[in-house]
Amino acid sequence: MVEKGLTGWIRPKVVVVVKNNSTKKSPLYFGEGIAITHFIYSKNMAKVTLIDHPLIQHKLTLMRKVETSTAKFRVLLKEISLLLAYEVTRDFPLKYEVIKTPLAPMNAPVLAPEKKLVLVSIMRAGQGILDGMLELMPSVRVGHVGLYRDPKTLIPVEYYFKVPDDVDKRDMLVVDPMLATGNSAVAAVERLKSTNPISIRFVCLLAAPEGIEHFCAVHPDVPLYTAAIDDHLDEHGYIIPGLGDAGDRLFGTK
């Protein structure tokens, strides 16, 4: 599928649009023939945006390496988060106001004041993306959803929830580095929908095809942004090839 110059590949029940000018099908994301053989179109599912900018992919490769230290992992995740934020916010509305430069007045673009944003981190690993995006957007409000995945059932268990009081007047970006089974993301977004934000977008670093399909089946109205779509989940629900446990690598707990 091609959408106005953007090359896309489509997985069952998921529309994937690659946000770059590249026309290469990376074996890391799709494998030989997968783009044609296993990808079909469904209009009922949300679009999944694969942000494959070369800088993001380079830094992501460094994060994947087993020898990457905790300190370096944090820095790389923060840098990638800044780059992801550029793409996720590219359609934010602008207004124009008259300003004076040192040489002349001009009608200059600024973000529309009615566009209010809240960033919501799915704890604990979501904090790594949150910190990076806050550097770019320091005035946004912040919320947290605390979830852990039961190691036996893989079902998410909520232990904390806090969002701003005026969330119903804000657009929401939900962030979590990994979309594996999709259970935690699905539960978090379901909980956040009860607060009635204007809109919700989900942003992650890595996604498994199984997680994408699950998320889009339950929340077809929520756009999903990711820097990579890996091959599959293992029997423990970990993304393969992945980068390990993002929380453990971010906080040095294992």
C-alpha atoms as a PDB file:
ATOM      1  CA  MET A   1       0.000   0.000   0.000  1.00  0.00           C
ATOM      2  CA  VAL A   2       1.228   3.480  -0.797  1.00  0.00           C
ATOM      3  CA  GLU A   3      -0.283   6.576   0.818  1.00  0.00           C
ATOM      4  CA  LYS A   4       0.913   9.812  -0.784  1.00  0.00           C
ATOM      5  CA  GLY A   5       4.549   8.896  -0.994  1.00  0.00           C
ATOM      6  CA  LEU A   6       4.662   6.888   2.235  1.00  0.00           C
ATOM      7  CA  THR A   7       5.434   3.222   1.846  1.00  0.00           C
ATOM      8  CA  GLY A   8       3.230   0.985   3.973  1.00  0.00           C
ATOM      9  CA  TRP A   9       3.017  -2.691   4.836  1.00  0.00           C
ATOM     10  CA  ILE A  10      -0.133  -4.185   6.250  1.00  0.00           C
ATOM     11  CA  ARG A  11      -0.429  -6.901   8.858  1.00  0.00           C
ATOM     12  CA  PRO A  12      -3.649  -8.806   9.635  1.00  0.00           C
ATOM     13  CA  LYS A  13      -6.183  -6.269  10.893  1.00  0.00           C
ATOM     14  CA  VAL A  14      -3.512  -3.553  11.130  1.00  0.00           C
ATOM     15  CA  VAL A  15      -2.596  -0.769   8.729  1.00  0.00           C
ATOM     16  CA  VAL A  16       1.082   0.092   9.003  1.00  0.00           C
ATOM     17  CA  VAL A  17       2.318   3.350   7.502  1.00  0.00           C
ATOM     18  CA  VAL A  18       6.069   3.893   7.445  1.00  0.00           C
ATOM     19  CA  LYS A  19       6.837   7.540   8.217  1.00  0.00           C
ATOM     20  CA  ASN A  20      10.024   8.055   6.258  1.00  0.00           C
ATOM     21  CA  ASN A  21      11.065   8.405   2.630  1.00  0.00           C
ATOM     22  CA  SER A  22      12.705   4.996   2.624  1.00  0.00           C
ATOM     23  CA  THR A  23      11.235   2.346   0.329  1.00  0.00           C
ATOM     24  CA  LYS A  24      13.212  -0.568   1.822  1.00  0.00           C
ATOM     25  CA  LYS A  25      11.479  -3.500   3.465  1.00  0.00           C
ATOM     26  CA  SER A  26      13.702  -4.273   6.449  1.00  0.00           C
ATOM     27  CA  PRO A  27      14.054  -8.007   7.244  1.00  0.00           C
ATOM     28  CA  LEU A  28      14.169  -7.053  10.941  1.00  0.00           C
ATOM     29  CA  TYR A  29      10.606  -5.788  10.829  1.00  0.00           C
ATOM     30  CA  PHE A  30       8.951  -7.959   8.260  1.00  0.00           C
ATOM     31  CA  GLY A  31      11.131 -10.768   6.904  1.00  0.00           C
ATOM     32  CA  GLU A  32      11.335 -11.816   3.292  1.00  0.00           C
ATOM     33  CA  GLY A  33       7.901 -12.050   1.697  1.00  0.00           C
ATOM     34  CA  ILE A  34       5.947 -11.151   4.828  1.00  0.00           C
ATOM     35  CA  ALA A  35       4.924  -7.763   3.449  1.00  0.00           C
ATOM     36  CA  ILE A  36       3.114  -9.459   0.575  1.00  0.00           C
ATOM     37  CA  THR A  37       2.183 -12.874   1.954  1.00  0.00           C
ATOM     38  CA  HIS A  38       0.889 -12.111   5.446  1.00  0.00           C
ATOM     39  CA  PHE A  39      -0.375  -8.556   5.289  1.00  0.00           C
ATOM     40  CA  ILE A  40      -4.006  -7.807   4.542  1.00  0.00           C
ATOM     41  CA  TYR A  41      -6.182  -4.738   4.930  1.00  0.00           C
ATOM     42  CA  SER A  42      -8.989  -4.011   7.348  1.00  0.00           C
ATOM     43  CA  LYS A  43     -10.653  -0.597   7.402  1.00  0.00           C
ATOM     44  CA  ASN A  44     -11.928  -1.220  10.915  1.00  0.00           C
ATOM     45  CA  MET A  45      -8.494  -1.078  12.550  1.00  0.00           C
ATOM     46  CA  ALA A  46      -6.430   1.898  13.638  1.00  0.00           C
ATOM     47  CA  LYS A  47      -3.379   2.910  11.659  1.00  0.00           C
ATOM     48  CA  VAL A  48      -0.055   1.938  13.124  1.00  0.00           C
ATOM     49  CA  THR A  49       2.723   4.385  12.323  1.00  0.00           C
ATOM     50  CA  LEU A  50       6.203   2.927  12.059  1.00  0.00           C
ATOM     51  CA  ILE A  51       8.697   5.755  12.569  1.00  0.00           C
ATOM     52  CA  ASP A  52      11.813   4.421  10.853  1.00  0.00           C
ATOM     53  CA  HIS A  53      14.010   7.523  10.818  1.00  0.00           C
ATOM     54  CA  PRO A  54      17.695   6.503  10.443  1.00  0.00           C
ATOM     55  CA  LEU A  55      18.722   8.227  13.679  1.00  0.00           C
ATOM     56  CA  ILE A  56      16.029   6.381  15.605  1.00  0.00           C
ATOM     57  CA  GLN A  57      17.005   3.050  14.085  1.00  0.00           C
ATOM     58  CA  HIS A  58      20.708   3.586  14.805  1.00  0.00           C
ATOM     59  CA  LYS A  59      20.069   4.492  18.434  1.00  0.00           C
ATOM     60  CA  LEU A  60      17.615   1.618  18.814  1.00  0.00           C
ATOM     61  CA  THR A  61      20.276  -0.823  17.620  1.00  0.00           C
ATOM     62  CA  LEU A  62      22.619   0.493  20.312  1.00  0.00           C
ATOM     63  CA  MET A  63      19.873  -0.029  22.901  1.00  0.00           C
ATOM     64  CA  ARG A  64      19.334  -3.612  21.762  1.00  0.00           C
ATOM     65  CA  LYS A  65      22.970  -4.619  22.344  1.00  0.00           C
ATOM     66  CA  VAL A  66      23.401  -6.759  25.444  1.00  0.00           C
ATOM     67  CA  GLU A  67      26.598  -4.930  26.392  1.00  0.00           C
ATOM     68  CA  THR A  68      24.933  -1.480  26.499  1.00  0.00           C
ATOM     69  CA  SER A  69      25.174  -0.112  30.044  1.00  0.00           C
ATOM     70  CA  THR A  70      22.240   1.158  32.092  1.00  0.00           C
ATOM     71  CA  ALA A  71      23.527   4.736  31.849  1.00  0.00           C
ATOM     72  CA  LYS A  72      23.847   4.538  28.060  1.00  0.00           C
ATOM     73  CA  PHE A  73      20.460   2.821  27.752  1.00  0.00           C
ATOM     74  CA  ARG A  74      18.810   5.725  29.587  1.00  0.00           C
ATOM     75  CA  VAL A  75      20.470   8.330  27.395  1.00  0.00           C
ATOM     76  CA  LEU A  76      19.526   6.510  24.190  1.00  0.00           C
ATOM     77  CA  LEU A  77      15.889   6.062  25.242  1.00  0.00           C
ATOM     78  CA  LYS A  78      15.674   9.741  26.103  1.00  0.00           C
ATOM     79  CA  GLU A  79      17.136  10.724  22.724  1.00  0.00           C
ATOM     80  CA  ILE A  80      14.786   8.422  20.816  1.00  0.00           C
ATOM     81  CA  SER A  81      11.835   9.772  22.798  1.00  0.00           C
ATOM     82  CA  LEU A  82      12.628  13.287  21.599  1.00  0.00           C
ATOM     83  CA  LEU A  83      12.670  12.070  18.008  1.00  0.00           C
ATOM     84  CA  LEU A  84       9.424  10.123  18.430  1.00  0.00           C
ATOM     85  CA  ALA A  85       7.749  13.223  19.847  1.00  0.00           C
ATOM     86  CA  TYR A  86       8.477  15.148  16.643  1.00  0.00           C
ATOM     87  CA  GLU A  87       6.518  12.625  14.581  1.00  0.00           C
ATOM     88  CA  VAL A  88       3.659  12.081  17.008  1.00  0.00           C
ATOM     89  CA  THR A  89       2.975  15.835  17.264  1.00  0.00           C
ATOM     90  CA  ARG A  90       3.508  16.773  13.621  1.00  0.00           C
ATOM     91  CA  ASP A  91      -0.201  17.447  13.014  1.00  0.00           C
ATOM     92  CA  PHE A  92      -0.702  19.717  16.027  1.00  0.00           C
ATOM     93  CA  PRO A  93      -2.533  22.912  14.995  1.00  0.00           C
ATOM     94  CA  LEU A  94      -0.815  26.277  14.694  1.00  0.00           C
ATOM     95  CA  LYS A  95      -2.006  29.836  14.903  1.00  0.00           C
ATOM     96  CA  TYR A  96      -0.218  33.007  13.842  1.00  0.00           C
ATOM     97  CA  GLU A  97       0.723  36.050  15.902  1.00  0.00           C
ATOM     98  CA  VAL A  98       2.616  39.200  15.095  1.00  0.00           C
ATOM     99  CA  ILE A  99       6.108  39.354  16.607  1.00  0.00           C
ATOM    100  CA  LYS A 100       9.160  41.549  16.121  1.00  0.00           C
ATOM    101  CA  THR A 101      12.508  40.111  15.111  1.00  0.00           C
ATOM    102  CA  PRO A 102      15.679  42.257  15.429  1.00  0.00           C
ATOM    103  CA  LEU A 103      15.088  43.322  11.805  1.00  0.00           C
ATOM    104  CA  ALA A 104      11.352  43.427  11.126  1.00  0.00           C
ATOM    105  CA  PRO A 105       7.883  42.436  12.334  1.00  0.00           C
ATOM    106  CA  MET A 106       6.401  39.204  11.050  1.00  0.00           C
ATOM    107  CA  ASN A 107       3.375  36.978  11.316  1.00  0.00           C
ATOM    108  CA  ALA A 108       4.873  33.926  13.040  1.00  0.00           C
ATOM    109  CA  PRO A 109       3.447  30.438  13.759  1.00  0.00           C
ATOM    110  CA  VAL A 110       2.980  29.221  17.334  1.00  0.00           C
ATOM    111  CA  LEU A 111       1.148  26.255  18.785  1.00  0.00           C
ATOM    112  CA  ALA A 112      -2.563  26.884  19.104  1.00  0.00           C
ATOM    113  CA  PRO A 113      -3.312  27.597  22.787  1.00  0.00           C
ATOM    114  CA  GLU A 114      -6.415  25.427  22.765  1.00  0.00           C
ATOM    115  CA  LYS A 115      -4.248  22.353  22.079  1.00  0.00           C
ATOM    116  CA  LYS A 116      -3.641  21.147  25.627  1.00  0.00           C
ATOM    117  CA  LEU A 117      -1.725  17.938  26.159  1.00  0.00           C
ATOM    118  CA  VAL A 118      -1.239  15.353  28.881  1.00  0.00           C
ATOM    119  CA  LEU A 119       1.497  12.716  28.789  1.00  0.00           C
ATOM    120  CA  VAL A 120       0.655   9.475  30.578  1.00  0.00           C
ATOM    121  CA  SER A 121       3.401   7.020  31.481  1.00  0.00           C
ATOM    122  CA  ILE A 122       2.648   3.335  31.965  1.00  0.00           C
ATOM    123  CA  MET A 123       4.896   2.619  34.923  1.00  0.00           C
ATOM    124  CA  ARG A 124       7.573   1.879  35.351  1.00  0.00           C
ATOM    125  CA  ALA A 125       9.387   1.693  32.016  1.00  0.00           C
ATOM    126  CA  GLY A 126       7.220   4.420  30.485  1.00  0.00           C
ATOM    127  CA  GLN A 127       9.160   6.915  32.584  1.00  0.00           C
ATOM    128  CA  GLY A 128      12.079   6.637  30.156  1.00  0.00           C
ATOM    129  CA  ILE A 129       9.997   7.933  27.247  1.00  0.00           C
ATOM    130  CA  LEU A 130       8.201  10.453  29.466  1.00  0.00           C
ATOM    131  CA  ASP A 131      11.458  12.109  30.553  1.00  0.00           C
ATOM    132  CA  GLY A 132      12.585  12.618  26.967  1.00  0.00           C
ATOM    133  CA  MET A 133       9.282  14.052  25.770  1.00  0.00           C
ATOM    134  CA  LEU A 134       9.088  16.402  28.753  1.00  0.00           C
ATOM    135  CA  GLU A 135      12.331  18.026  27.624  1.00  0.00           C
ATOM    136  CA  LEU A 136      10.656  18.904  24.342  1.00  0.00           C
ATOM    137  CA  MET A 137       7.281  19.807  25.890  1.00  0.00           C
ATOM    138  CA  PRO A 138       8.037  20.965  29.460  1.00  0.00           C
ATOM    139  CA  SER A 139       4.680  22.632  30.060  1.00  0.00           C
ATOM    140  CA  VAL A 140       2.446  19.611  29.458  1.00  0.00           C
ATOM    141  CA  ARG A 141       0.600  17.898  32.280  1.00  0.00           C
ATOM    142  CA  VAL A 142       1.610  14.387  33.365  1.00  0.00           C
ATOM    143  CA  GLY A 143      -0.285  11.305  34.480  1.00  0.00           C
ATOM    144  CA  HIS A 144       0.769   7.817  35.566  1.00  0.00           C
ATOM    145  CA  VAL A 145      -0.764   4.362  35.325  1.00  0.00           C
ATOM    146  CA  GLY A 146       0.939   1.720  37.455  1.00  0.00           C
ATOM    147  CA  LEU A 147       0.655  -1.782  36.015  1.00  0.00           C
ATOM    148  CA  TYR A 148       2.671  -4.957  36.410  1.00  0.00           C
ATOM    149  CA  ARG A 149       2.335  -8.104  34.365  1.00  0.00           C
ATOM    150  CA  ASP A 150       1.561 -11.292  36.278  1.00  0.00           C
ATOM    151  CA  PRO A 151       4.408 -13.641  35.267  1.00  0.00           C
ATOM    152  CA  LYS A 152       2.118 -16.666  35.080  1.00  0.00           C
ATOM    153  CA  THR A 153      -1.039 -15.318  33.451  1.00  0.00           C
ATOM    154  CA  LEU A 154       0.560 -12.298  31.665  1.00  0.00           C
ATOM    155  CA  ILE A 155      -2.531 -10.359  32.779  1.00  0.00           C
ATOM    156  CA  PRO A 156      -1.866  -6.746  33.909  1.00  0.00           C
ATOM    157  CA  VAL A 157      -2.559  -5.785  37.519  1.00  0.00           C
ATOM    158  CA  GLU A 158      -3.149  -2.105  38.354  1.00  0.00           C
ATOM    159  CA  TYR A 159      -1.460  -0.703  41.464  1.00  0.00           C
ATOM    160  CA  TYR A 160      -1.492   3.063  40.808  1.00  0.00           C
ATOM    161  CA  PHE A 161      -3.528   5.594  38.831  1.00  0.00           C
ATOM    162  CA  LYS A 162      -3.227   9.390  38.801  1.00  0.00           C
ATOM    163  CA  VAL A 163      -4.080  11.873  36.038  1.00  0.00           C
ATOM    164  CA  PRO A 164      -4.764  15.651  36.023  1.00  0.00           C
ATOM    165  CA  ASP A 165      -8.250  16.802  36.980  1.00  0.00           C
ATOM    166  CA  ASP A 166      -8.802  18.568  33.652  1.00  0.00           C
ATOM    167  CA  VAL A 167      -7.860  15.572  31.487  1.00  0.00           C
ATOM    168  CA  ASP A 168     -11.242  15.810  29.749  1.00  0.00           C
ATOM    169  CA  LYS A 169     -10.030  19.062  28.182  1.00  0.00           C
ATOM    170  CA  ARG A 170      -6.758  17.593  26.922  1.00  0.00           C
ATOM    171  CA  ASP A 171      -5.385  15.341  24.222  1.00  0.00           C
ATOM    172  CA  MET A 172      -3.477  12.392  25.637  1.00  0.00           C
ATOM    173  CA  LEU A 173      -0.238  10.657  24.677  1.00  0.00           C
ATOM    174  CA  VAL A 174       0.211   7.307  26.432  1.00  0.00           C
ATOM    175  CA  VAL A 175       3.802   6.055  26.492  1.00  0.00           C
ATOM    176  CA  ASP A 176       5.385   2.668  27.202  1.00  0.00           C
ATOM    177  CA  PRO A 177       8.572   1.317  25.586  1.00  0.00           C
ATOM    178  CA  MET A 178       7.260  -2.180  24.859  1.00  0.00           C
ATOM    179  CA  LEU A 179       4.047  -3.465  23.264  1.00  0.00           C
ATOM    180  CA  ALA A 180       4.439  -7.221  23.725  1.00  0.00           C
ATOM    181  CA  THR A 181       1.197  -9.125  24.382  1.00  0.00           C
ATOM    182  CA  GLY A 182      -0.618  -5.797  24.416  1.00  0.00           C
ATOM    183  CA  ASN A 183      -2.417  -6.670  27.649  1.00  0.00           C
ATOM    184  CA  SER A 184      -0.967  -3.806  29.692  1.00  0.00           C
ATOM    185  CA  ALA A 185      -1.485  -1.226  26.952  1.00  0.00           C
ATOM    186  CA  VAL A 186      -5.049  -2.372  26.375  1.00  0.00           C
ATOM    187  CA  ALA A 187      -5.837  -2.212  30.106  1.00  0.00           C
ATOM    188  CA  ALA A 188      -4.178   1.186  30.549  1.00  0.00           C
ATOM    189  CA  VAL A 189      -5.993   2.765  27.610  1.00  0.00           C
ATOM    190  CA  GLU A 190      -9.292   1.261  28.740  1.00  0.00           C
ATOM    191  CA  ARG A 191      -8.791   2.829  32.174  1.00  0.00           C
ATOM    192  CA  LEU A 192      -7.757   6.159  30.662  1.00  0.00           C
ATOM    193  CA  LYS A 193     -10.779   6.266  28.368  1.00  0.00           C
ATOM    194  CA  SER A 194     -12.945   6.449  31.492  1.00  0.00           C
ATOM    195  CA  THR A 195     -11.453   9.925  32.159  1.00  0.00           C
ATOM    196  CA  ASN A 196     -12.824  11.164  28.790  1.00  0.00           C
ATOM    197  CA  PRO A 197      -9.764  12.821  27.207  1.00  0.00           C
ATOM    198  CA  ILE A 198     -10.316  14.584  23.886  1.00  0.00           C
ATOM    199  CA  SER A 199      -8.175  12.000  22.099  1.00  0.00           C
ATOM    200  CA  ILE A 200      -5.637   9.267  22.864  1.00  0.00           C
ATOM    201  CA  ARG A 201      -2.478   8.226  21.032  1.00  0.00           C
ATOM    202  CA  PHE A 202      -0.249   5.343  22.108  1.00  0.00           C
ATOM    203  CA  VAL A 203       3.528   5.595  21.643  1.00  0.00           C
ATOM    204  CA  CYS A 204       6.030   2.770  22.113  1.00  0.00           C
ATOM    205  CA  LEU A 205       9.572   1.880  21.165  1.00  0.00           C
ATOM    206  CA  LEU A 206       9.144  -1.768  20.154  1.00  0.00           C
ATOM    207  CA  ALA A 207       6.037  -3.726  19.213  1.00  0.00           C
ATOM    208  CA  ALA A 208       5.329  -7.381  18.539  1.00  0.00           C
ATOM    209  CA  PRO A 209       2.831  -8.290  15.806  1.00  0.00           C
ATOM    210  CA  GLU A 210       0.702 -10.112  18.380  1.00  0.00           C
ATOM    211  CA  GLY A 211       0.549  -7.025  20.572  1.00  0.00           C
ATOM    212  CA  ILE A 212      -0.357  -4.761  17.667  1.00  0.00           C
ATOM    213  CA  GLU A 213      -3.182  -7.030  16.586  1.00  0.00           C
ATOM    214  CA  HIS A 214      -4.541  -7.293  20.125  1.00  0.00           C
ATOM    215  CA  PHE A 215      -4.327  -3.549  20.791  1.00  0.00           C
ATOM    216  CA  CYS A 216      -5.937  -2.548  17.502  1.00  0.00           C
ATOM    217  CA  ALA A 217      -8.712  -5.092  17.884  1.00  0.00           C
ATOM    218  CA  VAL A 218      -9.713  -3.662  21.279  1.00  0.00           C
ATOM    219  CA  HIS A 219      -8.916   0.011  20.595  1.00  0.00           C
ATOM    220  CA  PRO A 220      -9.306   0.612  16.841  1.00  0.00           C
ATOM    221  CA  ASP A 221      -9.885   4.313  17.532  1.00  0.00           C
ATOM    222  CA  VAL A 222      -6.445   4.854  19.129  1.00  0.00           C
ATOM    223  CA  PRO A 223      -3.517   5.571  16.759  1.00  0.00           C
ATOM    224  CA  LEU A 224      -0.384   3.610  17.591  1.00  0.00           C
ATOM    225  CA  TYR A 225       3.172   4.838  16.964  1.00  0.00           C
ATOM    226  CA  THR A 226       6.254   2.624  17.199  1.00  0.00           C
ATOM    227  CA  ALA A 227       9.921   2.729  16.201  1.00  0.00           C
ATOM    228  CA  ALA A 228      10.105  -0.979  15.332  1.00  0.00           C
ATOM    229  CA  ILE A 229       7.935  -4.017  14.732  1.00  0.00           C
ATOM    230  CA  ASP A 230       9.866  -7.108  15.760  1.00  0.00           C
ATOM    231  CA  ASP A 231       9.343 -10.732  14.772  1.00  0.00           C
ATOM    232  CA  HIS A 232       7.298 -12.486  17.463  1.00  0.00           C
ATOM    233  CA  LEU A 233       6.763 -13.210  21.162  1.00  0.00           C
ATOM    234  CA  ASP A 234       8.449 -16.093  22.955  1.00  0.00           C
ATOM    235  CA  GLU A 235       6.652 -18.456  25.332  1.00  0.00           C
ATOM    236  CA  HIS A 236       7.176 -15.997  28.203  1.00  0.00           C
ATOM    237  CA  GLY A 237       5.632 -13.072  26.344  1.00  0.00           C
ATOM    238  CA  TYR A 238       8.920 -11.314  25.567  1.00  0.00           C
ATOM    239  CA  ILE A 239       9.508  -9.588  22.230  1.00  0.00           C
ATOM    240  CA  ILE A 240      11.993 -11.384  19.958  1.00  0.00           C
ATOM    241  CA  PRO A 241      14.626 -10.208  19.064  1.00  0.00           C
ATOM    242  CA  GLY A 242      13.643  -7.265  21.286  1.00  0.00           C
ATOM    243  CA  LEU A 243      15.995  -5.642  23.782  1.00  0.00           C
ATOM    244  CA  GLY A 244      15.214  -7.524  26.975  1.00  0.00           C
ATOM    245  CA  ASP A 245      13.149  -6.120  29.840  1.00  0.00           C
ATOM    246  CA  ALA A 246      13.038  -2.359  29.244  1.00  0.00           C
ATOM    247  CA  GLY A 247      12.333  -1.559  32.888  1.00  0.00           C
ATOM    248  CA  ASP A 248      15.196  -3.671  34.193  1.00  0.00           C
ATOM    249  CA  ARG A 249      17.623  -2.211  31.673  1.00  0.00           C
ATOM    250  CA  LEU A 250      16.430   1.341  32.329  1.00  0.00           C
ATOM    251  CA  PHE A 251      16.702   1.120  36.121  1.00  0.00           C
ATOM    252  CA  GLY A 252      19.483  -1.475  36.447  1.00  0.00           C
ATOM    253  CA  THR A 253      17.356  -3.840  38.522  1.00  0.00           C
ATOM    254  CA  LYS A 254      18.430  -7.088  36.926  1.00  0.00           C
END
